[in-house]
Amino acid sequence: MPQDSLFCSTYDYEHYLDRYEWEGEGLPRLTEEEFCALQEEQMDLEADQAAGGKLAPAKRKRLRELRKLLLADVEL
């Protein structure tokens, strides 16, 4: 397992796996390394959005894709 980073911890990944078990049908199951890389990309885009207020259409699309892959909107 990778070492915890600013944007990703073992707890985050375990929480993702719980969400995946409930709502992940049809989505790829990410490895911890993939999850952390995508979560960091998501955080970068969200920081850009917060700083500038509006993302370009391609970045907005990518952010939606990341939220779906990471099951970011799923609450248990």
PDB file of N, CA and C in Angstrom:
ATOM      1  N   MET A   1       0.840  -1.189   0.000  1.00  0.00           N
ATOM      2  CA  MET A   1       0.000   0.000   0.000  1.00  0.00           C
ATOM      3  C   MET A   1       0.878   1.243   0.000  1.00  0.00           C
ATOM      4  N   PRO A   2       0.445   2.252  -0.769  1.00  0.00           N
ATOM      5  CA  PRO A   2       1.242   3.473  -0.769  1.00  0.00           C
ATOM      6  C   PRO A   2       1.142   4.209   0.560  1.00  0.00           C
ATOM      7  N   GLN A   3       2.121   5.059   0.784  1.00  0.00           N
ATOM      8  CA  GLN A   3       2.142   5.855   2.001  1.00  0.00           C
ATOM      9  C   GLN A   3       1.057   6.930   1.907  1.00  0.00           C
ATOM     10  N   ASP A   4       0.424   7.236   3.038  1.00  0.00           N
ATOM     11  CA  ASP A   4      -0.588   8.286   3.060  1.00  0.00           C
ATOM     12  C   ASP A   4       0.011   9.585   2.539  1.00  0.00           C
ATOM     13  N   SER A   5      -0.810  10.319   1.781  1.00  0.00           N
ATOM     14  CA  SER A   5      -0.381  11.613   1.271  1.00  0.00           C
ATOM     15  C   SER A   5      -1.383  12.664   1.718  1.00  0.00           C
ATOM     16  N   LEU A   6      -1.142  13.879   1.302  1.00  0.00           N
ATOM     17  CA  LEU A   6      -2.022  14.976   1.673  1.00  0.00           C
ATOM     18  C   LEU A   6      -3.452  14.725   1.209  1.00  0.00           C
ATOM     19  N   PHE A   7      -3.614  14.178   0.018  1.00  0.00           N
ATOM     20  CA  PHE A   7      -4.947  14.007  -0.564  1.00  0.00           C
ATOM     21  C   PHE A   7      -5.468  12.581  -0.496  1.00  0.00           C
ATOM     22  N   CYS A   8      -4.696  11.663   0.025  1.00  0.00           N
ATOM     23  CA  CYS A   8      -5.136  10.266  -0.018  1.00  0.00           C
ATOM     24  C   CYS A   8      -4.558   9.502   1.168  1.00  0.00           C
ATOM     25  N   SER A   9      -5.419   8.762   1.835  1.00  0.00           N
ATOM     26  CA  SER A   9      -4.967   7.927   2.939  1.00  0.00           C
ATOM     27  C   SER A   9      -5.563   6.539   2.785  1.00  0.00           C
ATOM     28  N   THR A  10      -5.039   5.614   3.538  1.00  0.00           N
ATOM     29  CA  THR A  10      -5.584   4.255   3.530  1.00  0.00           C
ATOM     30  C   THR A  10      -7.061   4.293   3.923  1.00  0.00           C
ATOM     31  N   TYR A  11      -7.411   5.152   4.867  1.00  0.00           N
ATOM     32  CA  TYR A  11      -8.817   5.302   5.270  1.00  0.00           C
ATOM     33  C   TYR A  11      -9.679   5.733   4.077  1.00  0.00           C
ATOM     34  N   ASP A  12      -9.198   6.695   3.287  1.00  0.00           N
ATOM     35  CA  ASP A  12      -9.945   7.148   2.107  1.00  0.00           C
ATOM     36  C   ASP A  12     -10.202   5.984   1.155  1.00  0.00           C
ATOM     37  N   TYR A  13      -9.164   5.190   0.923  1.00  0.00           N
ATOM     38  CA  TYR A  13      -9.306   4.059   0.001  1.00  0.00           C
ATOM     39  C   TYR A  13     -10.271   3.013   0.564  1.00  0.00           C
ATOM     40  N   GLU A  14     -10.176   2.722   1.833  1.00  0.00           N
ATOM     41  CA  GLU A  14     -11.097   1.758   2.440  1.00  0.00           C
ATOM     42  C   GLU A  14     -12.542   2.259   2.352  1.00  0.00           C
ATOM     43  N   HIS A  15     -12.726   3.552   2.533  1.00  0.00           N
ATOM     44  CA  HIS A  15     -14.061   4.141   2.407  1.00  0.00           C
ATOM     45  C   HIS A  15     -14.553   4.026   0.957  1.00  0.00           C
ATOM     46  N   TYR A  16     -13.656   4.249   0.003  1.00  0.00           N
ATOM     47  CA  TYR A  16     -14.001   4.050  -1.412  1.00  0.00           C
ATOM     48  C   TYR A  16     -14.440   2.604  -1.655  1.00  0.00           C
ATOM     49  N   LEU A  17     -13.700   1.634  -1.112  1.00  0.00           N
ATOM     50  CA  LEU A  17     -14.059   0.226  -1.316  1.00  0.00           C
ATOM     51  C   LEU A  17     -15.444  -0.082  -0.747  1.00  0.00           C
ATOM     52  N   ASP A  18     -15.782   0.517   0.397  1.00  0.00           N
ATOM     53  CA  ASP A  18     -17.127   0.340   0.950  1.00  0.00           C
ATOM     54  C   ASP A  18     -18.176   0.888  -0.011  1.00  0.00           C
ATOM     55  N   ARG A  19     -17.936   2.096  -0.525  1.00  0.00           N
ATOM     56  CA  ARG A  19     -18.878   2.693  -1.480  1.00  0.00           C
ATOM     57  C   ARG A  19     -18.951   1.848  -2.751  1.00  0.00           C
ATOM     58  N   TYR A  20     -17.824   1.313  -3.187  1.00  0.00           N
ATOM     59  CA  TYR A  20     -17.778   0.494  -4.391  1.00  0.00           C
ATOM     60  C   TYR A  20     -18.637  -0.759  -4.225  1.00  0.00           C
ATOM     61  N   GLU A  21     -18.579  -1.379  -3.062  1.00  0.00           N
ATOM     62  CA  GLU A  21     -19.386  -2.579  -2.821  1.00  0.00           C
ATOM     63  C   GLU A  21     -20.878  -2.283  -2.959  1.00  0.00           C
ATOM     64  N   TRP A  22     -21.298  -1.092  -2.563  1.00  0.00           N
ATOM     65  CA  TRP A  22     -22.716  -0.725  -2.618  1.00  0.00           C
ATOM     66  C   TRP A  22     -23.130  -0.159  -3.966  1.00  0.00           C
ATOM     67  N   GLU A  23     -22.296   0.662  -4.585  1.00  0.00           N
ATOM     68  CA  GLU A  23     -22.718   1.425  -5.757  1.00  0.00           C
ATOM     69  C   GLU A  23     -21.786   1.317  -6.957  1.00  0.00           C
ATOM     70  N   GLY A  24     -20.827   0.413  -6.938  1.00  0.00           N
ATOM     71  CA  GLY A  24     -19.816   0.385  -7.983  1.00  0.00           C
ATOM     72  C   GLY A  24     -20.120  -0.464  -9.192  1.00  0.00           C
ATOM     73  N   GLU A  25     -21.302  -1.034  -9.269  1.00  0.00           N
ATOM     74  CA  GLU A  25     -21.627  -1.904 -10.403  1.00  0.00           C
ATOM     75  C   GLU A  25     -21.439  -1.161 -11.726  1.00  0.00           C
ATOM     76  N   GLY A  26     -20.707  -1.798 -12.635  1.00  0.00           N
ATOM     77  CA  GLY A  26     -20.461  -1.219 -13.940  1.00  0.00           C
ATOM     78  C   GLY A  26     -19.251  -0.302 -14.002  1.00  0.00           C
ATOM     79  N   LEU A  27     -18.645  -0.030 -12.856  1.00  0.00           N
ATOM     80  CA  LEU A  27     -17.454   0.816 -12.813  1.00  0.00           C
ATOM     81  C   LEU A  27     -16.230  -0.041 -12.510  1.00  0.00           C
ATOM     82  N   PRO A  28     -15.064   0.368 -13.003  1.00  0.00           N
ATOM     83  CA  PRO A  28     -13.857  -0.406 -12.664  1.00  0.00           C
ATOM     84  C   PRO A  28     -13.526  -0.246 -11.184  1.00  0.00           C
ATOM     85  N   ARG A  29     -13.026  -1.323 -10.591  1.00  0.00           N
ATOM     86  CA  ARG A  29     -12.558  -1.254  -9.199  1.00  0.00           C
ATOM     87  C   ARG A  29     -11.127  -0.768  -9.235  1.00  0.00           C
ATOM     88  N   LEU A  30     -10.882   0.374  -8.666  1.00  0.00           N
ATOM     89  CA  LEU A  30      -9.572   1.002  -8.710  1.00  0.00           C
ATOM     90  C   LEU A  30      -8.631   0.387  -7.688  1.00  0.00           C
ATOM     91  N   THR A  31      -7.366   0.301  -8.068  1.00  0.00           N
ATOM     92  CA  THR A  31      -6.350  -0.073  -7.091  1.00  0.00           C
ATOM     93  C   THR A  31      -6.123   1.138  -6.195  1.00  0.00           C
ATOM     94  N   GLU A  32      -5.436   0.943  -5.089  1.00  0.00           N
ATOM     95  CA  GLU A  32      -5.178   2.072  -4.205  1.00  0.00           C
ATOM     96  C   GLU A  32      -4.331   3.137  -4.904  1.00  0.00           C
ATOM     97  N   GLU A  33      -3.384   2.712  -5.718  1.00  0.00           N
ATOM     98  CA  GLU A  33      -2.550   3.670  -6.446  1.00  0.00           C
ATOM     99  C   GLU A  33      -3.390   4.479  -7.438  1.00  0.00           C
ATOM    100  N   GLU A  34      -4.268   3.792  -8.179  1.00  0.00           N
ATOM    101  CA  GLU A  34      -5.153   4.484  -9.132  1.00  0.00           C
ATOM    102  C   GLU A  34      -6.084   5.445  -8.404  1.00  0.00           C
ATOM    103  N   PHE A  35      -6.662   4.969  -7.309  1.00  0.00           N
ATOM    104  CA  PHE A  35      -7.570   5.801  -6.531  1.00  0.00           C
ATOM    105  C   PHE A  35      -6.883   7.076  -6.071  1.00  0.00           C
ATOM    106  N   CYS A  36      -5.686   6.944  -5.520  1.00  0.00           N
ATOM    107  CA  CYS A  36      -4.970   8.117  -5.006  1.00  0.00           C
ATOM    108  C   CYS A  36      -4.621   9.093  -6.128  1.00  0.00           C
ATOM    109  N   ALA A  37      -4.184   8.574  -7.270  1.00  0.00           N
ATOM    110  CA  ALA A  37      -3.839   9.450  -8.392  1.00  0.00           C
ATOM    111  C   ALA A  37      -5.079  10.194  -8.895  1.00  0.00           C
ATOM    112  N   LEU A  38      -6.203   9.493  -9.025  1.00  0.00           N
ATOM    113  CA  LEU A  38      -7.426  10.139  -9.504  1.00  0.00           C
ATOM    114  C   LEU A  38      -7.976  11.117  -8.470  1.00  0.00           C
ATOM    115  N   GLN A  39      -7.865  10.768  -7.202  1.00  0.00           N
ATOM    116  CA  GLN A  39      -8.351  11.674  -6.167  1.00  0.00           C
ATOM    117  C   GLN A  39      -7.517  12.958  -6.149  1.00  0.00           C
ATOM    118  N   GLU A  40      -6.218  12.829  -6.347  1.00  0.00           N
ATOM    119  CA  GLU A  40      -5.371  14.020  -6.400  1.00  0.00           C
ATOM    120  C   GLU A  40      -5.740  14.885  -7.609  1.00  0.00           C
ATOM    121  N   GLU A  41      -5.996  14.246  -8.752  1.00  0.00           N
ATOM    122  CA  GLU A  41      -6.430  14.991  -9.938  1.00  0.00           C
ATOM    123  C   GLU A  41      -7.745  15.714  -9.661  1.00  0.00           C
ATOM    124  N   GLN A  42      -8.667  15.035  -8.993  1.00  0.00           N
ATOM    125  CA  GLN A  42      -9.955  15.655  -8.647  1.00  0.00           C
ATOM    126  C   GLN A  42      -9.736  16.870  -7.753  1.00  0.00           C
ATOM    127  N   MET A  43      -8.896  16.737  -6.747  1.00  0.00           N
ATOM    128  CA  MET A  43      -8.642  17.844  -5.832  1.00  0.00           C
ATOM    129  C   MET A  43      -7.999  19.025  -6.561  1.00  0.00           C
ATOM    130  N   ASP A  44      -7.111  18.733  -7.506  1.00  0.00           N
ATOM    131  CA  ASP A  44      -6.494  19.809  -8.294  1.00  0.00           C
ATOM    132  C   ASP A  44      -7.554  20.569  -9.085  1.00  0.00           C
ATOM    133  N   LEU A  45      -8.461  19.846  -9.723  1.00  0.00           N
ATOM    134  CA  LEU A  45      -9.516  20.503 -10.500  1.00  0.00           C
ATOM    135  C   LEU A  45     -10.450  21.299  -9.594  1.00  0.00           C
ATOM    136  N   GLU A  46     -10.788  20.744  -8.448  1.00  0.00           N
ATOM    137  CA  GLU A  46     -11.667  21.464  -7.523  1.00  0.00           C
ATOM    138  C   GLU A  46     -10.979  22.710  -6.971  1.00  0.00           C
ATOM    139  N   ALA A  47      -9.671  22.656  -6.768  1.00  0.00           N
ATOM    140  CA  ALA A  47      -8.936  23.835  -6.318  1.00  0.00           C
ATOM    141  C   ALA A  47      -8.926  24.899  -7.413  1.00  0.00           C
ATOM    142  N   ASP A  48      -8.725  24.481  -8.666  1.00  0.00           N
ATOM    143  CA  ASP A  48      -8.783  25.422  -9.788  1.00  0.00           C
ATOM    144  C   ASP A  48     -10.152  26.083  -9.864  1.00  0.00           C
ATOM    145  N   GLN A  49     -11.187  25.286  -9.674  1.00  0.00           N
ATOM    146  CA  GLN A  49     -12.546  25.805  -9.722  1.00  0.00           C
ATOM    147  C   GLN A  49     -12.777  26.801  -8.586  1.00  0.00           C
ATOM    148  N   ALA A  50     -12.307  26.482  -7.414  1.00  0.00           N
ATOM    149  CA  ALA A  50     -12.493  27.367  -6.267  1.00  0.00           C
ATOM    150  C   ALA A  50     -11.722  28.676  -6.456  1.00  0.00           C
ATOM    151  N   ALA A  51     -10.557  28.585  -7.061  1.00  0.00           N
ATOM    152  CA  ALA A  51      -9.727  29.778  -7.248  1.00  0.00           C
ATOM    153  C   ALA A  51     -10.245  30.667  -8.374  1.00  0.00           C
ATOM    154  N   GLY A  52     -10.717  30.028  -9.447  1.00  0.00           N
ATOM    155  CA  GLY A  52     -11.114  30.805 -10.617  1.00  0.00           C
ATOM    156  C   GLY A  52     -12.601  30.898 -10.841  1.00  0.00           C
ATOM    157  N   GLY A  53     -13.364  30.093 -10.123  1.00  0.00           N
ATOM    158  CA  GLY A  53     -14.808  30.165 -10.229  1.00  0.00           C
ATOM    159  C   GLY A  53     -15.424  29.334 -11.332  1.00  0.00           C
ATOM    160  N   LYS A  54     -14.761  29.202 -12.484  1.00  0.00           N
ATOM    161  CA  LYS A  54     -15.360  28.456 -13.590  1.00  0.00           C
ATOM    162  C   LYS A  54     -14.280  27.670 -14.314  1.00  0.00           C
ATOM    163  N   LEU A  55     -14.585  26.406 -14.587  1.00  0.00           N
ATOM    164  CA  LEU A  55     -13.662  25.551 -15.328  1.00  0.00           C
ATOM    165  C   LEU A  55     -14.050  25.532 -16.794  1.00  0.00           C
ATOM    166  N   ALA A  56     -13.073  25.283 -17.641  1.00  0.00           N
ATOM    167  CA  ALA A  56     -13.327  25.077 -19.064  1.00  0.00           C
ATOM    168  C   ALA A  56     -14.186  23.823 -19.221  1.00  0.00           C
ATOM    169  N   PRO A  57     -14.960  23.736 -20.304  1.00  0.00           N
ATOM    170  CA  PRO A  57     -15.841  22.570 -20.496  1.00  0.00           C
ATOM    171  C   PRO A  57     -15.120  21.227 -20.382  1.00  0.00           C
ATOM    172  N   ALA A  58     -13.925  21.107 -20.937  1.00  0.00           N
ATOM    173  CA  ALA A  58     -13.197  19.833 -20.861  1.00  0.00           C
ATOM    174  C   ALA A  58     -12.831  19.491 -19.421  1.00  0.00           C
ATOM    175  N   LYS A  59     -12.460  20.504 -18.648  1.00  0.00           N
ATOM    176  CA  LYS A  59     -12.126  20.261 -17.239  1.00  0.00           C
ATOM    177  C   LYS A  59     -13.372  19.928 -16.426  1.00  0.00           C
ATOM    178  N   ARG A  60     -14.505  20.571 -16.728  1.00  0.00           N
ATOM    179  CA  ARG A  60     -15.760  20.234 -16.033  1.00  0.00           C
ATOM    180  C   ARG A  60     -16.159  18.794 -16.330  1.00  0.00           C
ATOM    181  N   LYS A  61     -15.989  18.374 -17.596  1.00  0.00           N
ATOM    182  CA  LYS A  61     -16.309  16.999 -17.975  1.00  0.00           C
ATOM    183  C   LYS A  61     -15.404  16.018 -17.223  1.00  0.00           C
ATOM    184  N   ARG A  62     -14.110  16.322 -17.155  1.00  0.00           N
ATOM    185  CA  ARG A  62     -13.171  15.450 -16.464  1.00  0.00           C
ATOM    186  C   ARG A  62     -13.508  15.360 -14.982  1.00  0.00           C
ATOM    187  N   LEU A  63     -13.886  16.481 -14.377  1.00  0.00           N
ATOM    188  CA  LEU A  63     -14.256  16.475 -12.969  1.00  0.00           C
ATOM    189  C   LEU A  63     -15.473  15.578 -12.738  1.00  0.00           C
ATOM    190  N   ARG A  64     -16.463  15.628 -13.616  1.00  0.00           N
ATOM    191  CA  ARG A  64     -17.634  14.734 -13.502  1.00  0.00           C
ATOM    192  C   ARG A  64     -17.211  13.278 -13.626  1.00  0.00           C
ATOM    193  N   GLU A  65     -16.307  12.982 -14.575  1.00  0.00           N
ATOM    194  CA  GLU A  65     -15.813  11.610 -14.745  1.00  0.00           C
ATOM    195  C   GLU A  65     -15.112  11.117 -13.482  1.00  0.00           C
ATOM    196  N   LEU A  66     -14.281  11.967 -12.921  1.00  0.00           N
ATOM    197  CA  LEU A  66     -13.548  11.594 -11.709  1.00  0.00           C
ATOM    198  C   LEU A  66     -14.500  11.351 -10.549  1.00  0.00           C
ATOM    199  N   ARG A  67     -15.478  12.225 -10.371  1.00  0.00           N
ATOM    200  CA  ARG A  67     -16.445  12.057  -9.274  1.00  0.00           C
ATOM    201  C   ARG A  67     -17.185  10.725  -9.426  1.00  0.00           C
ATOM    202  N   LYS A  68     -17.493  10.357 -10.672  1.00  0.00           N
ATOM    203  CA  LYS A  68     -18.184   9.081 -10.915  1.00  0.00           C
ATOM    204  C   LYS A  68     -17.263   7.904 -10.593  1.00  0.00           C
ATOM    205  N   LEU A  69     -16.035   7.933 -11.119  1.00  0.00           N
ATOM    206  CA  LEU A  69     -15.093   6.835 -10.883  1.00  0.00           C
ATOM    207  C   LEU A  69     -14.757   6.660  -9.408  1.00  0.00           C
ATOM    208  N   LEU A  70     -14.643   7.778  -8.703  1.00  0.00           N
ATOM    209  CA  LEU A  70     -14.282   7.739  -7.285  1.00  0.00           C
ATOM    210  C   LEU A  70     -15.488   7.553  -6.372  1.00  0.00           C
ATOM    211  N   LEU A  71     -16.665   7.485  -6.982  1.00  0.00           N
ATOM    212  CA  LEU A  71     -17.910   7.345  -6.225  1.00  0.00           C
ATOM    213  C   LEU A  71     -18.019   8.437  -5.167  1.00  0.00           C
ATOM    214  N   ALA A  72     -17.608   9.643  -5.561  1.00  0.00           N
ATOM    215  CA  ALA A  72     -17.503  10.759  -4.626  1.00  0.00           C
ATOM    216  C   ALA A  72     -18.853  11.225  -4.105  1.00  0.00           C
ATOM    217  N   ASP A  73     -19.913  10.987  -4.851  1.00  0.00           N
ATOM    218  CA  ASP A  73     -21.232  11.468  -4.443  1.00  0.00           C
ATOM    219  C   ASP A  73     -22.055  10.408  -3.723  1.00  0.00           C
ATOM    220  N   VAL A  74     -21.472   9.246  -3.480  1.00  0.00           N
ATOM    221  CA  VAL A  74     -22.178   8.150  -2.817  1.00  0.00           C
ATOM    222  C   VAL A  74     -22.005   8.293  -1.299  1.00  0.00           C
ATOM    223  N   GLU A  75     -23.093   8.346  -0.599  1.00  0.00           N
ATOM    224  CA  GLU A  75     -23.074   8.397   0.875  1.00  0.00           C
ATOM    225  C   GLU A  75     -23.549   7.068   1.427  1.00  0.00           C
ATOM    226  N   LEU A  76     -22.849   6.565   2.412  1.00  0.00           N
ATOM    227  CA  LEU A  76     -23.272   5.313   3.069  1.00  0.00           C
ATOM    228  C   LEU A  76     -23.871   5.598   4.412  1.00  0.00           C
TER     229      LEU A  76
END
